[in-house]
N, C-alpha and C. Protein backbone atom coordinates (compact mmCIF):
# COMPACT_ATOMS: atom_id res chain seq x y z
N MET A 1 10.40 15.95 -25.98
CA MET A 1 10.94 14.53 -25.67
C MET A 1 9.58 14.24 -25.05
N LEU A 2 9.32 12.97 -25.28
CA LEU A 2 7.86 11.26 -25.11
C LEU A 2 8.17 10.91 -23.99
N PHE A 3 7.42 11.03 -22.77
CA PHE A 3 7.32 10.92 -21.45
C PHE A 3 5.93 9.29 -21.75
N LEU A 4 6.78 8.15 -21.45
CA LEU A 4 5.10 7.59 -20.61
C LEU A 4 4.75 7.11 -19.64
N VAL A 5 3.88 7.69 -18.81
CA VAL A 5 3.49 7.89 -17.35
C VAL A 5 2.22 6.38 -17.61
N TYR A 6 2.64 5.51 -16.25
CA TYR A 6 1.59 4.15 -16.03
C TYR A 6 1.76 4.71 -14.51
N SER A 7 0.26 4.68 -14.02
CA SER A 7 0.07 5.22 -13.21
C SER A 7 -1.20 4.51 -12.21
N LEU A 8 -0.75 3.49 -11.07
CA LEU A 8 -1.83 2.72 -10.66
C LEU A 8 -2.73 3.26 -9.21
N ASP A 9 -3.88 3.11 -9.35
CA ASP A 9 -4.34 3.53 -8.08
C ASP A 9 -4.25 2.81 -7.17
N LYS A 10 -4.57 3.96 -5.49
CA LYS A 10 -4.11 2.74 -4.10
C LYS A 10 -5.37 1.85 -4.54
N PRO A 11 -4.85 0.80 -3.72
CA PRO A 11 -6.50 -0.27 -3.77
C PRO A 11 -7.55 0.27 -2.96
N ALA A 12 -6.92 0.75 -1.52
CA ALA A 12 -7.80 1.34 -0.43
C ALA A 12 -8.55 2.44 -1.01
N THR A 13 -8.12 3.07 -1.32
CA THR A 13 -8.87 4.84 -0.98
C THR A 13 -8.68 5.07 -2.50
N GLY A 14 -8.38 4.41 -3.71
CA GLY A 14 -8.15 5.28 -5.00
C GLY A 14 -9.65 5.58 -5.49
N LYS A 15 -10.47 4.28 -5.91
CA LYS A 15 -12.16 5.06 -5.98
C LYS A 15 -12.60 6.58 -5.25
N GLU A 16 -12.01 6.81 -4.46
CA GLU A 16 -12.98 7.37 -3.71
C GLU A 16 -12.13 8.84 -3.91
N ILE A 17 -10.60 8.88 -3.72
CA ILE A 17 -10.08 9.83 -4.33
C ILE A 17 -9.94 10.23 -6.01
N ARG A 18 -10.61 9.14 -6.53
CA ARG A 18 -10.88 8.97 -8.35
C ARG A 18 -11.96 10.80 -8.33
N ARG A 19 -13.06 9.25 -7.71
CA ARG A 19 -14.51 10.32 -7.75
C ARG A 19 -14.72 11.26 -7.22
N ARG A 20 -13.56 12.24 -6.19
CA ARG A 20 -13.27 12.87 -5.81
C ARG A 20 -12.66 14.39 -6.76
N THR A 21 -11.91 13.96 -7.54
CA THR A 21 -10.90 14.35 -7.77
C THR A 21 -11.01 14.43 -9.68
N ARG A 22 -12.34 13.47 -9.66
CA ARG A 22 -11.60 13.14 -11.47
C ARG A 22 -12.39 14.32 -12.57
N ALA A 23 -13.31 15.10 -11.67
CA ALA A 23 -13.90 16.77 -12.74
C ALA A 23 -12.74 17.40 -12.53
N ALA A 24 -12.29 17.51 -11.87
CA ALA A 24 -11.06 18.19 -12.22
C ALA A 24 -9.76 18.57 -12.77
N HIS A 25 -9.26 16.80 -12.22
CA HIS A 25 -8.45 16.26 -13.49
C HIS A 25 -8.71 16.68 -15.07
N LEU A 26 -9.69 16.50 -15.20
CA LEU A 26 -10.57 16.53 -16.55
C LEU A 26 -10.45 17.47 -16.95
N GLN A 27 -10.78 18.15 -16.28
CA GLN A 27 -10.38 20.14 -16.54
C GLN A 27 -9.16 20.42 -17.02
N TYR A 28 -7.80 19.92 -16.08
CA TYR A 28 -6.38 20.15 -16.13
C TYR A 28 -6.08 19.23 -17.35
N VAL A 29 -6.56 18.32 -17.59
CA VAL A 29 -6.13 17.60 -18.92
C VAL A 29 -6.70 18.81 -20.23
N ARG A 30 -8.00 19.22 -20.24
CA ARG A 30 -8.45 19.94 -21.16
C ARG A 30 -8.18 21.41 -21.00
N ASP A 31 -7.21 21.70 -20.39
CA ASP A 31 -6.61 22.91 -20.04
C ASP A 31 -5.02 22.54 -20.80
N HIS A 32 -4.60 21.47 -20.79
CA HIS A 32 -2.93 21.56 -21.20
C HIS A 32 -3.58 20.35 -21.88
N LYS A 33 -4.20 20.08 -23.11
CA LYS A 33 -4.17 18.74 -23.75
C LYS A 33 -3.51 18.65 -24.84
N SER A 34 -2.67 20.00 -25.69
CA SER A 34 -1.92 20.10 -26.50
C SER A 34 -0.47 19.59 -25.94
N ALA A 35 -0.01 19.14 -24.67
CA ALA A 35 0.55 17.94 -23.76
C ALA A 35 0.81 16.89 -23.80
N PHE A 36 -0.56 16.39 -24.38
CA PHE A 36 -0.79 14.75 -24.70
C PHE A 36 -0.75 14.27 -25.71
N VAL A 37 -0.01 12.89 -26.00
CA VAL A 37 0.02 12.45 -28.07
C VAL A 37 -1.19 11.44 -27.12
N TYR A 38 -1.13 10.86 -25.95
CA TYR A 38 -2.09 9.94 -25.90
C TYR A 38 -2.54 10.09 -23.85
N GLY A 39 -3.71 10.06 -23.88
CA GLY A 39 -4.37 9.57 -22.74
C GLY A 39 -5.58 9.32 -22.06
N GLY A 40 -5.27 8.49 -21.27
CA GLY A 40 -6.65 7.60 -20.92
C GLY A 40 -6.72 6.98 -19.47
N ALA A 41 -8.15 6.06 -18.97
CA ALA A 41 -7.86 5.43 -17.52
C ALA A 41 -7.16 4.16 -18.26
N LEU A 42 -7.04 3.73 -16.87
CA LEU A 42 -6.47 2.18 -17.51
C LEU A 42 -7.83 1.37 -17.02
N LEU A 43 -8.24 0.07 -17.12
CA LEU A 43 -9.62 -0.49 -16.85
C LEU A 43 -9.19 -2.01 -16.39
N GLY A 44 -9.82 -1.66 -14.90
CA GLY A 44 -9.53 -3.42 -14.40
C GLY A 44 -10.43 -4.45 -15.44
N ASP A 45 -10.46 -6.17 -15.04
CA ASP A 45 -11.58 -6.93 -15.95
C ASP A 45 -12.65 -6.43 -16.09
N SER A 46 -13.33 -5.32 -14.92
CA SER A 46 -14.46 -5.29 -14.95
C SER A 46 -14.87 -4.07 -15.54
N GLY A 47 -13.95 -3.59 -16.13
CA GLY A 47 -14.30 -2.26 -16.34
C GLY A 47 -14.11 -0.97 -15.79
N GLU A 48 -14.00 -1.36 -14.57
CA GLU A 48 -13.57 -0.58 -13.29
C GLU A 48 -11.61 0.36 -13.49
N MET A 49 -12.94 1.76 -13.15
CA MET A 49 -11.09 2.52 -13.28
C MET A 49 -9.79 2.24 -12.60
N ILE A 50 -8.55 2.20 -12.68
CA ILE A 50 -7.76 1.36 -11.71
C ILE A 50 -6.30 2.01 -12.19
N GLY A 51 -6.37 2.67 -12.97
CA GLY A 51 -5.37 3.60 -12.65
C GLY A 51 -5.40 4.52 -14.16
N THR A 52 -3.79 4.80 -14.51
CA THR A 52 -4.22 5.90 -15.34
C THR A 52 -2.92 5.47 -16.70
N LEU A 53 -3.12 6.41 -17.91
CA LEU A 53 -1.73 5.84 -18.66
C LEU A 53 -1.84 7.11 -19.49
N ALA A 54 -0.69 7.42 -20.02
CA ALA A 54 0.07 9.04 -20.83
C ALA A 54 0.91 8.70 -21.15
N ILE A 55 0.74 9.23 -22.35
CA ILE A 55 2.33 9.67 -23.01
C ILE A 55 2.21 11.62 -23.14
N ILE A 56 3.11 12.37 -22.74
CA ILE A 56 2.77 13.02 -22.95
C ILE A 56 3.95 14.12 -23.29
N LYS A 57 4.14 15.25 -24.00
CA LYS A 57 5.33 15.63 -24.35
C LYS A 57 5.68 16.82 -23.43
N ALA A 58 7.00 16.65 -23.02
CA ALA A 58 7.85 17.57 -22.08
C ALA A 58 9.35 18.13 -22.49
N ALA A 59 9.34 18.80 -22.66
CA ALA A 59 11.60 19.23 -23.17
C ALA A 59 11.46 18.73 -22.00
N ASP A 60 12.20 18.08 -20.64
CA ASP A 60 12.66 17.04 -20.19
C ASP A 60 12.16 16.84 -19.06
N ARG A 61 12.47 15.89 -18.09
CA ARG A 61 12.12 15.19 -16.53
C ARG A 61 11.62 15.96 -16.29
N ALA A 62 12.57 17.01 -16.25
CA ALA A 62 11.96 17.37 -14.75
C ALA A 62 10.88 18.80 -15.57
N ALA A 63 10.61 19.09 -16.67
CA ALA A 63 9.76 19.71 -16.60
C ALA A 63 8.57 18.44 -16.96
N LEU A 64 8.69 17.44 -17.28
CA LEU A 64 7.56 16.34 -16.52
C LEU A 64 7.00 17.03 -15.68
N GLU A 65 7.79 16.36 -14.89
CA GLU A 65 8.00 16.09 -13.79
C GLU A 65 7.11 17.81 -12.64
N ARG A 66 7.27 19.13 -12.78
CA ARG A 66 6.17 20.50 -12.53
C ARG A 66 5.12 19.83 -13.35
N PHE A 67 5.02 19.20 -14.76
CA PHE A 67 3.63 19.00 -15.24
C PHE A 67 2.81 18.26 -14.42
N LEU A 68 3.06 17.14 -13.84
CA LEU A 68 2.38 16.15 -13.29
C LEU A 68 1.83 17.03 -11.54
N LYS A 69 3.53 17.53 -11.10
CA LYS A 69 2.19 18.15 -9.72
C LYS A 69 1.03 19.18 -9.94
N GLY A 70 1.40 19.71 -10.49
CA GLY A 70 -0.30 20.95 -11.07
C GLY A 70 -1.46 19.18 -10.74
N ASP A 71 -1.26 18.63 -11.21
CA ASP A 71 -2.54 17.58 -12.29
C ASP A 71 -3.17 17.24 -10.60
N PRO A 72 -4.76 17.46 -10.72
CA PRO A 72 -5.13 16.95 -8.98
C PRO A 72 -5.64 15.87 -8.75
N TYR A 73 -4.85 14.33 -9.66
CA TYR A 73 -4.89 13.62 -9.06
C TYR A 73 -3.16 13.29 -8.94
N HIS A 74 -2.26 13.75 -8.67
CA HIS A 74 -1.02 14.02 -8.02
C HIS A 74 -1.08 14.42 -7.58
N ILE A 75 -1.81 15.99 -7.09
CA ILE A 75 -1.65 16.52 -5.65
C ILE A 75 -2.41 16.01 -4.66
N GLU A 76 -3.32 15.21 -4.76
CA GLU A 76 -4.46 14.11 -4.48
C GLU A 76 -3.93 12.88 -3.50
N ARG A 77 -2.46 12.70 -4.07
CA ARG A 77 -2.34 11.44 -4.01
C ARG A 77 -2.89 10.09 -4.48
N LEU A 78 -4.06 10.18 -5.91
CA LEU A 78 -4.24 8.99 -6.16
C LEU A 78 -3.63 7.60 -5.93
N PHE A 79 -2.57 8.00 -6.47
CA PHE A 79 -1.34 6.44 -7.16
C PHE A 79 -0.72 5.86 -6.02
N GLU A 80 -0.51 4.45 -5.76
CA GLU A 80 0.20 4.26 -5.28
C GLU A 80 1.68 3.78 -5.85
N LYS A 81 1.54 3.54 -7.23
CA LYS A 81 2.56 3.23 -8.17
C LYS A 81 2.68 4.27 -9.31
N VAL A 82 3.26 5.14 -9.87
CA VAL A 82 3.75 5.38 -10.99
C VAL A 82 5.31 5.33 -11.98
N ILE A 83 5.06 4.78 -13.09
CA ILE A 83 6.39 4.56 -13.57
C ILE A 83 6.11 6.08 -15.08
N ILE A 84 7.95 6.46 -15.10
CA ILE A 84 7.52 7.30 -16.30
C ILE A 84 9.34 6.65 -16.56
N ASN A 85 9.57 6.40 -17.74
CA ASN A 85 9.91 5.92 -19.24
C ASN A 85 9.91 7.04 -20.26
N GLU A 86 11.28 7.29 -20.36
CA GLU A 86 10.93 8.23 -21.60
C GLU A 86 10.92 7.22 -22.90
N THR A 87 10.17 8.01 -23.98
CA THR A 87 9.42 6.68 -25.13
C THR A 87 10.20 7.43 -26.14
N ARG A 88 9.93 6.90 -27.40
CA ARG A 88 10.19 8.04 -28.61
C ARG A 88 9.00 6.95 -29.60
N GLN A 89 8.15 7.45 -30.80
CA GLN A 89 7.44 6.93 -31.15
C GLN A 89 7.95 6.71 -32.73
N THR A 90 7.77 4.37 -32.90
CA THR A 90 7.63 4.31 -34.18
C THR A 90 6.63 4.43 -34.22
N LEU A 91 5.19 3.39 -34.12
CA LEU A 91 4.41 4.17 -35.01
C LEU A 91 3.34 4.45 -34.14
N PRO A 92 2.09 5.42 -35.06
CA PRO A 92 2.38 5.60 -36.46
C PRO A 92 3.78 6.13 -36.98
N GLU A 93 4.27 6.39 -37.49
CA GLU A 93 5.29 6.84 -38.22
C GLU A 93 5.33 8.28 -37.97
N ALA A 94 6.56 9.06 -37.45
CA ALA A 94 6.52 10.31 -37.18
C ALA A 94 6.55 11.22 -38.18
N ALA A 95 7.70 10.08 -38.91
CA ALA A 95 7.84 11.13 -40.06
C ALA A 95 8.10 9.80 -41.35
N PRO A 96 7.92 10.07 -42.20
CA PRO A 96 7.99 9.28 -43.43
C PRO A 96 9.09 8.29 -43.98
N GLY A 97 9.54 7.19 -43.80
CA GLY A 97 11.16 6.41 -43.59
C GLY A 97 11.60 6.35 -42.69
N PHE A 98 11.00 6.65 -41.11
CA PHE A 98 11.28 6.65 -39.88
C PHE A 98 11.89 4.90 -40.08
N LEU A 99 10.70 4.64 -39.95
CA LEU A 99 10.52 2.96 -39.28
C LEU A 99 11.47 2.30 -40.31
N ASP A 100 11.30 2.49 -41.53
CA ASP A 100 12.73 1.84 -42.46
C ASP A 100 13.91 1.84 -41.94
N ALA A 101 13.99 3.32 -41.68
CA ALA A 101 15.56 3.64 -40.71
C ALA A 101 15.96 2.66 -39.60
N GLU A 102 15.33 2.81 -38.76
CA GLU A 102 15.00 1.66 -37.53
C GLU A 102 15.44 0.05 -38.11
N ILE A 103 14.52 -0.23 -38.67
CA ILE A 103 15.05 -1.62 -39.03
C ILE A 103 16.11 -1.77 -39.70
N ALA A 104 16.83 -0.36 -40.99
CA ALA A 104 18.17 -0.94 -41.48
C ALA A 104 19.08 -0.59 -39.83
N THR A 105 19.33 -0.01 -39.19
CA THR A 105 19.80 0.77 -37.85
C THR A 105 19.80 -1.01 -36.74
N ALA A 106 18.68 -1.59 -36.69
CA ALA A 106 18.62 -3.13 -36.28
C ALA A 106 18.61 -3.79 -36.70
N ALA A 107 19.37 -4.14 -38.24
CA ALA A 107 20.22 -5.17 -39.48
C ALA A 107 21.31 -4.90 -38.66
N GLU A 108 21.96 -3.79 -38.80
CA GLU A 108 23.23 -3.82 -38.47
C GLU A 108 23.87 -3.52 -37.05
N GLN A 109 23.17 -3.60 -36.27
CA GLN A 109 23.61 -4.05 -34.91
C GLN A 109 23.86 -6.12 -34.66
N VAL A 110 23.08 -6.33 -36.03
CA VAL A 110 23.12 -7.99 -35.64
C VAL A 110 24.77 -8.70 -36.27
């Protein structure tokens, strides 16, 4: 399963927590990079880091929660808000013809 994890830093303390835990977080990511489809910082209008966006492969929601609990950003409570949604990949196509099949399914529902 794929999960989108959208996390926003705490406004008052986020910069300090992020600064203090960034190296450990990046090491955790490096040690588990096979779980990531995508991962990176969310940037504010002036380019500062304000959160994190990741698409993570996990067996189920419980496995994802266990995975996140090991991340130093989560351990140190960097985030004010974390939104998690299961997602599925449409682009780039995970398998040839997937998008055409989605179009056909959508057309049938009209």
